[in-house]
């Protein structure tokens, strides 16, 4: 008869536990992934909102610069006359 030491028993018990509860380990990873995805939703929404605001601001600044150029050129024409 072969003797089994403590390390082998704990190893066997660990393997048995893993095979009996292995699915829960994978479910925990899926659950964690879903939690992270849920936390990312508001961040993505706010990033899109900031990007849209940046685009509007860029358009307004471009129009402001164009108006300033027109005003400067008209002032120079009035000064020359």
PDB file of N, CA and C in Angstrom:
ATOM      1  N   UNK A   1       0.838  -1.178   0.000  1.00  0.00           N
ATOM      2  CA  UNK A   1       0.000   0.000   0.000  1.00  0.00           C
ATOM      3  C   UNK A   1       0.887   1.247   0.000  1.00  0.00           C
ATOM      4  N   UNK A   2       0.507   2.190  -0.809  1.00  0.00           N
ATOM      5  CA  UNK A   2       1.296   3.406  -0.986  1.00  0.00           C
ATOM      6  C   UNK A   2       0.798   4.502  -0.042  1.00  0.00           C
ATOM      7  N   UNK A   3       1.714   5.197   0.605  1.00  0.00           N
ATOM      8  CA  UNK A   3       1.343   6.289   1.504  1.00  0.00           C
ATOM      9  C   UNK A   3       1.212   7.585   0.712  1.00  0.00           C
ATOM     10  N   UNK A   4       0.264   8.405   1.088  1.00  0.00           N
ATOM     11  CA  UNK A   4       0.057   9.715   0.460  1.00  0.00           C
ATOM     12  C   UNK A   4       0.386  10.773   1.505  1.00  0.00           C
ATOM     13  N   UNK A   5       1.293  11.672   1.167  1.00  0.00           N
ATOM     14  CA  UNK A   5       1.662  12.706   2.139  1.00  0.00           C
ATOM     15  C   UNK A   5       0.697  13.900   2.063  1.00  0.00           C
ATOM     16  N   UNK A   6       0.896  14.823   2.960  1.00  0.00           N
ATOM     17  CA  UNK A   6       0.000  15.987   3.093  1.00  0.00           C
ATOM     18  C   UNK A   6      -0.032  16.828   1.803  1.00  0.00           C
ATOM     19  N   UNK A   7       1.107  17.052   1.175  1.00  0.00           N
ATOM     20  CA  UNK A   7       1.159  17.854  -0.055  1.00  0.00           C
ATOM     21  C   UNK A   7       0.342  17.227  -1.172  1.00  0.00           C
ATOM     22  N   UNK A   8       0.411  15.917  -1.282  1.00  0.00           N
ATOM     23  CA  UNK A   8      -0.359  15.241  -2.315  1.00  0.00           C
ATOM     24  C   UNK A   8      -1.852  15.347  -2.033  1.00  0.00           C
ATOM     25  N   UNK A   9      -2.231  15.232  -0.754  1.00  0.00           N
ATOM     26  CA  UNK A   9      -3.644  15.355  -0.392  1.00  0.00           C
ATOM     27  C   UNK A   9      -4.177  16.739  -0.711  1.00  0.00           C
ATOM     28  N   UNK A  10      -3.415  17.756  -0.370  1.00  0.00           N
ATOM     29  CA  UNK A  10      -3.865  19.122  -0.647  1.00  0.00           C
ATOM     30  C   UNK A  10      -3.909  19.374  -2.144  1.00  0.00           C
ATOM     31  N   UNK A  11      -2.990  18.778  -2.880  1.00  0.00           N
ATOM     32  CA  UNK A  11      -2.989  18.919  -4.327  1.00  0.00           C
ATOM     33  C   UNK A  11      -4.205  18.233  -4.937  1.00  0.00           C
ATOM     34  N   UNK A  12      -4.506  17.042  -4.441  1.00  0.00           N
ATOM     35  CA  UNK A  12      -5.675  16.311  -4.938  1.00  0.00           C
ATOM     36  C   UNK A  12      -6.952  17.074  -4.590  1.00  0.00           C
ATOM     37  N   UNK A  13      -7.031  17.590  -3.375  1.00  0.00           N
ATOM     38  CA  UNK A  13      -8.203  18.355  -2.952  1.00  0.00           C
ATOM     39  C   UNK A  13      -8.337  19.630  -3.789  1.00  0.00           C
ATOM     40  N   UNK A  14      -7.203  20.251  -4.092  1.00  0.00           N
ATOM     41  CA  UNK A  14      -7.230  21.466  -4.913  1.00  0.00           C
ATOM     42  C   UNK A  14      -7.724  21.183  -6.314  1.00  0.00           C
ATOM     43  N   UNK A  15      -7.264  20.101  -6.885  1.00  0.00           N
ATOM     44  CA  UNK A  15      -7.724  19.734  -8.231  1.00  0.00           C
ATOM     45  C   UNK A  15      -9.207  19.402  -8.228  1.00  0.00           C
ATOM     46  N   UNK A  16      -9.631  18.657  -7.210  1.00  0.00           N
ATOM     47  CA  UNK A  16     -11.049  18.296  -7.111  1.00  0.00           C
ATOM     48  C   UNK A  16     -11.893  19.564  -7.002  1.00  0.00           C
ATOM     49  N   UNK A  17     -11.464  20.480  -6.166  1.00  0.00           N
ATOM     50  CA  UNK A  17     -12.187  21.747  -5.997  1.00  0.00           C
ATOM     51  C   UNK A  17     -12.228  22.523  -7.300  1.00  0.00           C
ATOM     52  N   UNK A  18     -11.110  22.556  -8.013  1.00  0.00           N
ATOM     53  CA  UNK A  18     -11.068  23.273  -9.281  1.00  0.00           C
ATOM     54  C   UNK A  18     -12.056  22.681 -10.282  1.00  0.00           C
ATOM     55  N   UNK A  19     -12.057  21.361 -10.405  1.00  0.00           N
ATOM     56  CA  UNK A  19     -12.938  20.733 -11.382  1.00  0.00           C
ATOM     57  C   UNK A  19     -14.404  20.848 -10.994  1.00  0.00           C
ATOM     58  N   UNK A  20     -14.674  20.864  -9.694  1.00  0.00           N
ATOM     59  CA  UNK A  20     -16.056  21.013  -9.246  1.00  0.00           C
ATOM     60  C   UNK A  20     -16.536  22.457  -9.367  1.00  0.00           C
ATOM     61  N   UNK A  21     -15.645  23.407  -9.162  1.00  0.00           N
ATOM     62  CA  UNK A  21     -16.018  24.824  -9.156  1.00  0.00           C
ATOM     63  C   UNK A  21     -15.343  25.617 -10.269  1.00  0.00           C
ATOM     64  N   UNK A  22     -14.786  24.947 -11.241  1.00  0.00           N
ATOM     65  CA  UNK A  22     -14.044  25.617 -12.312  1.00  0.00           C
ATOM     66  C   UNK A  22     -14.893  26.584 -13.118  1.00  0.00           C
ATOM     67  N   UNK A  23     -16.148  26.213 -13.343  1.00  0.00           N
ATOM     68  CA  UNK A  23     -17.022  27.078 -14.146  1.00  0.00           C
ATOM     69  C   UNK A  23     -17.227  28.434 -13.474  1.00  0.00           C
ATOM     70  N   UNK A  24     -17.300  28.433 -12.146  1.00  0.00           N
ATOM     71  CA  UNK A  24     -17.518  29.702 -11.447  1.00  0.00           C
ATOM     72  C   UNK A  24     -16.343  30.661 -11.639  1.00  0.00           C
ATOM     73  N   UNK A  25     -15.150  30.134 -11.816  1.00  0.00           N
ATOM     74  CA  UNK A  25     -13.983  30.993 -12.057  1.00  0.00           C
ATOM     75  C   UNK A  25     -14.121  31.717 -13.380  1.00  0.00           C
ATOM     76  N   UNK A  26     -14.616  31.016 -14.392  1.00  0.00           N
ATOM     77  CA  UNK A  26     -14.794  31.651 -15.688  1.00  0.00           C
ATOM     78  C   UNK A  26     -15.973  32.621 -15.677  1.00  0.00           C
ATOM     79  N   UNK A  27     -17.015  32.291 -14.920  1.00  0.00           N
ATOM     80  CA  UNK A  27     -18.156  33.195 -14.807  1.00  0.00           C
ATOM     81  C   UNK A  27     -17.750  34.479 -14.104  1.00  0.00           C
ATOM     82  N   UNK A  28     -16.876  34.382 -13.147  1.00  0.00           N
ATOM     83  CA  UNK A  28     -16.408  35.573 -12.438  1.00  0.00           C
ATOM     84  C   UNK A  28     -15.678  36.508 -13.396  1.00  0.00           C
ATOM     85  N   UNK A  29     -14.888  35.938 -14.309  1.00  0.00           N
ATOM     86  CA  UNK A  29     -14.179  36.767 -15.291  1.00  0.00           C
ATOM     87  C   UNK A  29     -15.162  37.450 -16.217  1.00  0.00           C
ATOM     88  N   UNK A  30     -16.199  36.723 -16.647  1.00  0.00           N
ATOM     89  CA  UNK A  30     -17.208  37.323 -17.524  1.00  0.00           C
ATOM     90  C   UNK A  30     -17.956  38.431 -16.797  1.00  0.00           C
ATOM     91  N   UNK A  31     -18.288  38.179 -15.535  1.00  0.00           N
ATOM     92  CA  UNK A  31     -19.003  39.176 -14.741  1.00  0.00           C
ATOM     93  C   UNK A  31     -18.139  40.428 -14.570  1.00  0.00           C
ATOM     94  N   UNK A  32     -16.858  40.230 -14.318  1.00  0.00           N
ATOM     95  CA  UNK A  32     -15.930  41.361 -14.158  1.00  0.00           C
ATOM     96  C   UNK A  32     -15.823  42.155 -15.465  1.00  0.00           C
ATOM     97  N   UNK A  33     -15.788  41.429 -16.587  1.00  0.00           N
ATOM     98  CA  UNK A  33     -15.709  42.100 -17.884  1.00  0.00           C
ATOM     99  C   UNK A  33     -16.960  42.937 -18.128  1.00  0.00           C
ATOM    100  N   UNK A  34     -18.123  42.404 -17.762  1.00  0.00           N
ATOM    101  CA  UNK A  34     -19.373  43.160 -17.923  1.00  0.00           C
ATOM    102  C   UNK A  34     -19.392  44.385 -17.023  1.00  0.00           C
ATOM    103  N   UNK A  35     -18.868  44.248 -15.807  1.00  0.00           N
ATOM    104  CA  UNK A  35     -18.824  45.390 -14.893  1.00  0.00           C
ATOM    105  C   UNK A  35     -17.942  46.492 -15.452  1.00  0.00           C
ATOM    106  N   UNK A  36     -16.811  46.117 -16.000  1.00  0.00           N
ATOM    107  CA  UNK A  36     -15.904  47.101 -16.583  1.00  0.00           C
ATOM    108  C   UNK A  36     -16.570  47.773 -17.776  1.00  0.00           C
ATOM    109  N   UNK A  37     -17.248  46.984 -18.601  1.00  0.00           N
ATOM    110  CA  UNK A  37     -17.930  47.536 -19.772  1.00  0.00           C
ATOM    111  C   UNK A  37     -19.011  48.525 -19.351  1.00  0.00           C
ATOM    112  N   UNK A  38     -19.760  48.199 -18.305  1.00  0.00           N
ATOM    113  CA  UNK A  38     -20.797  49.101 -17.809  1.00  0.00           C
ATOM    114  C   UNK A  38     -20.193  50.404 -17.292  1.00  0.00           C
ATOM    115  N   UNK A  39     -19.032  50.323 -16.664  1.00  0.00           N
ATOM    116  CA  UNK A  39     -18.383  51.536 -16.166  1.00  0.00           C
ATOM    117  C   UNK A  39     -17.834  52.380 -17.313  1.00  0.00           C
ATOM    118  N   UNK A  40     -17.507  51.751 -18.430  1.00  0.00           N
ATOM    119  CA  UNK A  40     -16.947  52.466 -19.570  1.00  0.00           C
ATOM    120  C   UNK A  40     -18.014  53.227 -20.356  1.00  0.00           C
ATOM    121  N   UNK A  41     -19.277  52.816 -20.270  1.00  0.00           N
ATOM    122  CA  UNK A  41     -20.341  53.451 -21.054  1.00  0.00           C
ATOM    123  C   UNK A  41     -20.443  54.955 -20.801  1.00  0.00           C
ATOM    124  N   UNK A  42     -20.551  55.406 -19.545  1.00  0.00           N
ATOM    125  CA  UNK A  42     -20.647  56.855 -19.333  1.00  0.00           C
ATOM    126  C   UNK A  42     -19.378  57.595 -19.763  1.00  0.00           C
ATOM    127  N   UNK A  43     -18.242  56.944 -19.633  1.00  0.00           N
ATOM    128  CA  UNK A  43     -16.983  57.569 -20.048  1.00  0.00           C
ATOM    129  C   UNK A  43     -16.987  57.782 -21.553  1.00  0.00           C
ATOM    130  N   UNK A  44     -17.394  56.753 -22.306  1.00  0.00           N
ATOM    131  CA  UNK A  44     -17.458  56.873 -23.762  1.00  0.00           C
ATOM    132  C   UNK A  44     -18.459  57.942 -24.171  1.00  0.00           C
ATOM    133  N   UNK A  45     -19.610  57.998 -23.484  1.00  0.00           N
ATOM    134  CA  UNK A  45     -20.613  59.016 -23.786  1.00  0.00           C
ATOM    135  C   UNK A  45     -20.036  60.416 -23.586  1.00  0.00           C
ATOM    136  N   UNK A  46     -19.357  60.622 -22.468  1.00  0.00           N
ATOM    137  CA  UNK A  46     -18.788  61.939 -22.178  1.00  0.00           C
ATOM    138  C   UNK A  46     -17.657  62.288 -23.144  1.00  0.00           C
ATOM    139  N   UNK A  47     -16.868  61.284 -23.561  1.00  0.00           N
ATOM    140  CA  UNK A  47     -15.815  61.543 -24.537  1.00  0.00           C
ATOM    141  C   UNK A  47     -16.409  62.005 -25.862  1.00  0.00           C
ATOM    142  N   UNK A  48     -17.515  61.382 -26.286  1.00  0.00           N
ATOM    143  CA  UNK A  48     -18.178  61.800 -27.528  1.00  0.00           C
ATOM    144  C   UNK A  48     -18.730  63.213 -27.388  1.00  0.00           C
ATOM    145  N   UNK A  49     -19.281  63.507 -26.223  1.00  0.00           N
ATOM    146  CA  UNK A  49     -19.832  64.839 -25.980  1.00  0.00           C
ATOM    147  C   UNK A  49     -18.730  65.904 -26.026  1.00  0.00           C
ATOM    148  N   UNK A  50     -17.599  65.620 -25.414  1.00  0.00           N
ATOM    149  CA  UNK A  50     -16.467  66.553 -25.429  1.00  0.00           C
ATOM    150  C   UNK A  50     -15.953  66.735 -26.850  1.00  0.00           C
ATOM    151  N   UNK A  51     -15.889  65.653 -27.613  1.00  0.00           N
ATOM    152  CA  UNK A  51     -15.430  65.738 -28.996  1.00  0.00           C
ATOM    153  C   UNK A  51     -16.369  66.624 -29.821  1.00  0.00           C
ATOM    154  N   UNK A  52     -17.677  66.474 -29.626  1.00  0.00           N
ATOM    155  CA  UNK A  52     -18.636  67.305 -30.351  1.00  0.00           C
ATOM    156  C   UNK A  52     -18.471  68.770 -29.959  1.00  0.00           C
ATOM    157  N   UNK A  53     -18.263  69.026 -28.678  1.00  0.00           N
ATOM    158  CA  UNK A  53     -18.068  70.411 -28.221  1.00  0.00           C
ATOM    159  C   UNK A  53     -16.785  70.991 -28.793  1.00  0.00           C
ATOM    160  N   UNK A  54     -15.737  70.182 -28.879  1.00  0.00           N
ATOM    161  CA  UNK A  54     -14.478  70.633 -29.471  1.00  0.00           C
ATOM    162  C   UNK A  54     -14.671  71.025 -30.933  1.00  0.00           C
ATOM    163  N   UNK A  55     -15.457  70.216 -31.652  1.00  0.00           N
ATOM    164  CA  UNK A  55     -15.703  70.517 -33.059  1.00  0.00           C
ATOM    165  C   UNK A  55     -16.471  71.820 -33.223  1.00  0.00           C
ATOM    166  N   UNK A  56     -17.490  72.037 -32.379  1.00  0.00           N
ATOM    167  CA  UNK A  56     -18.261  73.285 -32.433  1.00  0.00           C
ATOM    168  C   UNK A  56     -17.364  74.466 -32.096  1.00  0.00           C
ATOM    169  N   UNK A  57     -16.549  74.317 -31.080  1.00  0.00           N
ATOM    170  CA  UNK A  57     -15.638  75.388 -30.683  1.00  0.00           C
ATOM    171  C   UNK A  57     -14.652  75.709 -31.805  1.00  0.00           C
ATOM    172  N   UNK A  58     -14.153  74.689 -32.477  1.00  0.00           N
ATOM    173  CA  UNK A  58     -13.222  74.905 -33.582  1.00  0.00           C
ATOM    174  C   UNK A  58     -13.891  75.678 -34.710  1.00  0.00           C
ATOM    175  N   UNK A  59     -15.144  75.336 -35.009  1.00  0.00           N
ATOM    176  CA  UNK A  59     -15.880  76.067 -36.053  1.00  0.00           C
ATOM    177  C   UNK A  59     -16.089  77.525 -35.665  1.00  0.00           C
ATOM    178  N   UNK A  60     -16.465  77.758 -34.407  1.00  0.00           N
ATOM    179  CA  UNK A  60     -16.680  79.134 -33.945  1.00  0.00           C
ATOM    180  C   UNK A  60     -15.396  79.948 -33.989  1.00  0.00           C
ATOM    181  N   UNK A  61     -14.292  79.333 -33.608  1.00  0.00           N
ATOM    182  CA  UNK A  61     -13.019  80.046 -33.642  1.00  0.00           C
ATOM    183  C   UNK A  61     -12.608  80.360 -35.078  1.00  0.00           C
ATOM    184  N   UNK A  62     -12.851  79.431 -35.992  1.00  0.00           N
ATOM    185  CA  UNK A  62     -12.527  79.673 -37.398  1.00  0.00           C
ATOM    186  C   UNK A  62     -13.347  80.828 -37.944  1.00  0.00           C
ATOM    187  N   UNK A  63     -14.637  80.874 -37.592  1.00  0.00           N
ATOM    188  CA  UNK A  63     -15.489  81.982 -38.038  1.00  0.00           C
ATOM    189  C   UNK A  63     -15.032  83.295 -37.418  1.00  0.00           C
ATOM    190  N   UNK A  64     -14.633  83.281 -36.159  1.00  0.00           N
ATOM    191  CA  UNK A  64     -14.147  84.485 -35.487  1.00  0.00           C
ATOM    192  C   UNK A  64     -12.899  85.025 -36.175  1.00  0.00           C
ATOM    193  N   UNK A  65     -11.974  84.125 -36.513  1.00  0.00           N
ATOM    194  CA  UNK A  65     -10.751  84.542 -37.200  1.00  0.00           C
ATOM    195  C   UNK A  65     -11.068  85.125 -38.568  1.00  0.00           C
ATOM    196  N   UNK A  66     -12.002  84.472 -39.279  1.00  0.00           N
ATOM    197  CA  UNK A  66     -12.379  84.973 -40.603  1.00  0.00           C
ATOM    198  C   UNK A  66     -12.992  86.369 -40.488  1.00  0.00           C
ATOM    199  N   UNK A  67     -13.852  86.591 -39.490  1.00  0.00           N
ATOM    200  CA  UNK A  67     -14.460  87.917 -39.292  1.00  0.00           C
ATOM    201  C   UNK A  67     -13.409  88.958 -38.938  1.00  0.00           C
ATOM    202  N   UNK A  68     -12.459  88.605 -38.105  1.00  0.00           N
ATOM    203  CA  UNK A  68     -11.398  89.543 -37.741  1.00  0.00           C
ATOM    204  C   UNK A  68     -10.573  89.940 -38.958  1.00  0.00           C
ATOM    205  N   UNK A  69     -10.300  88.965 -39.829  1.00  0.00           N
ATOM    206  CA  UNK A  69      -9.549  89.279 -41.048  1.00  0.00           C
ATOM    207  C   UNK A  69     -10.327  90.237 -41.931  1.00  0.00           C
ATOM    208  N   UNK A  70     -11.640  90.022 -42.029  1.00  0.00           N
ATOM    209  CA  UNK A  70     -12.470  90.918 -42.836  1.00  0.00           C
ATOM    210  C   UNK A  70     -12.475  92.317 -42.239  1.00  0.00           C
ATOM    211  N   UNK A  71     -12.610  92.401 -40.926  1.00  0.00           N
ATOM    212  CA  UNK A  71     -12.625  93.707 -40.264  1.00  0.00           C
ATOM    213  C   UNK A  71     -11.292  94.424 -40.401  1.00  0.00           C
ATOM    214  N   UNK A  72     -10.211  93.691 -40.271  1.00  0.00           N
ATOM    215  CA  UNK A  72      -8.889  94.299 -40.400  1.00  0.00           C
ATOM    216  C   UNK A  72      -8.683  94.837 -41.815  1.00  0.00           C
ATOM    217  N   UNK A  73      -9.079  94.052 -42.802  1.00  0.00           N
ATOM    218  CA  UNK A  73      -8.900  94.497 -44.190  1.00  0.00           C
ATOM    219  C   UNK A  73      -9.805  95.683 -44.507  1.00  0.00           C
ATOM    220  N   UNK A  74     -11.012  95.722 -43.957  1.00  0.00           N
ATOM    221  CA  UNK A  74     -11.890  96.862 -44.215  1.00  0.00           C
ATOM    222  C   UNK A  74     -11.389  98.119 -43.497  1.00  0.00           C
ATOM    223  N   UNK A  75     -10.804  97.968 -42.312  1.00  0.00           N
ATOM    224  CA  UNK A  75     -10.219  99.104 -41.596  1.00  0.00           C
ATOM    225  C   UNK A  75      -9.028  99.666 -42.369  1.00  0.00           C
ATOM    226  N   UNK A  76      -8.230  98.785 -42.953  1.00  0.00           N
ATOM    227  CA  UNK A  76      -7.082  99.240 -43.729  1.00  0.00           C
ATOM    228  C   UNK A  76      -7.543  99.968 -44.980  1.00  0.00           C
ATOM    229  N   UNK A  77      -8.621  99.516 -45.609  1.00  0.00           N
ATOM    230  CA  UNK A  77      -9.145 100.199 -46.795  1.00  0.00           C
ATOM    231  C   UNK A  77      -9.694 101.565 -46.430  1.00  0.00           C
ATOM    232  N   UNK A  78     -10.358 101.656 -45.266  1.00  0.00           N
ATOM    233  CA  UNK A  78     -10.901 102.944 -44.826  1.00  0.00           C
ATOM    234  C   UNK A  78      -9.762 103.916 -44.467  1.00  0.00           C
ATOM    235  N   UNK A  79      -8.712 103.404 -43.890  1.00  0.00           N
ATOM    236  CA  UNK A  79      -7.574 104.239 -43.525  1.00  0.00           C
ATOM    237  C   UNK A  79      -6.833 104.741 -44.762  1.00  0.00           C
ATOM    238  N   UNK A  80      -6.808 103.959 -45.828  1.00  0.00           N
ATOM    239  CA  UNK A  80      -6.105 104.333 -47.051  1.00  0.00           C
ATOM    240  C   UNK A  80      -6.880 105.365 -47.832  1.00  0.00           C
ATOM    241  N   UNK A  81      -8.207 105.387 -47.639  1.00  0.00           N
ATOM    242  CA  UNK A  81      -9.038 106.292 -48.445  1.00  0.00           C
ATOM    243  C   UNK A  81      -9.014 107.685 -47.979  1.00  0.00           C
TER     244      UNK A  81
END
